[in-house]
Amino acid sequence: MGKTVERKPSSPIQCALREEARAWIFAGAVIAIYLGVKLCLPF
């Protein structure tokens, strides 16, 4: 019954926010891996 509530007209905005959140999470993971390698292998 809650499916009709999820179908809002603000769907494009939610999609954009979801994409932005995914991009931030991906960037954070890359930075974390980079820092981890830098700390483990000091050049």
Protein backbone atom coordinates (compact mmCIF):
# COMPACT_ATOMS: atom_id res chain seq x y z
CA MET A 1 0.00 0.00 0.00
CA GLY A 2 3.00 2.31 0.48
CA LYS A 3 3.95 2.11 -3.20
CA THR A 4 1.58 4.95 -4.11
CA VAL A 5 3.32 7.17 -1.53
CA GLU A 6 6.73 6.57 -3.13
CA ARG A 7 5.43 7.72 -6.55
CA LYS A 8 5.85 11.46 -5.95
CA PRO A 9 6.20 14.23 -8.56
CA SER A 10 9.56 15.09 -6.97
CA SER A 11 11.01 11.88 -8.39
CA PRO A 12 13.66 13.60 -10.59
CA ILE A 13 14.99 15.49 -7.57
CA GLN A 14 15.22 12.29 -5.54
CA CYS A 15 17.02 10.62 -8.44
CA ALA A 16 19.49 13.50 -8.64
CA LEU A 17 20.10 13.37 -4.89
CA ARG A 18 20.60 9.61 -5.09
CA GLU A 19 23.12 10.03 -7.92
CA GLU A 20 24.96 12.76 -5.99
CA ALA A 21 25.05 10.61 -2.84
CA ARG A 22 26.44 7.69 -4.88
CA ALA A 23 29.12 9.96 -6.35
CA TRP A 24 30.09 11.23 -2.87
CA ILE A 25 30.24 7.67 -1.49
CA PHE A 26 32.40 6.58 -4.44
CA ALA A 27 34.71 9.58 -3.98
CA GLY A 28 34.97 8.88 -0.26
CA ALA A 29 35.87 5.24 -0.92
CA VAL A 30 38.55 6.25 -3.43
CA ILE A 31 40.03 8.79 -0.99
CA ALA A 32 39.94 6.23 1.85
CA ILE A 33 41.72 3.63 -0.30
CA TYR A 34 44.27 6.22 -1.46
CA LEU A 35 44.99 7.35 2.11
CA GLY A 36 45.21 3.74 3.28
CA VAL A 37 47.78 2.92 0.57
CA LYS A 38 49.70 6.11 1.36
CA LEU A 39 49.84 5.24 5.06
CA CYS A 40 50.69 1.59 4.48
CA LEU A 41 53.28 2.28 1.77
CA PRO A 42 55.05 5.56 2.61
CA PHE A 43 56.93 6.74 -0.47
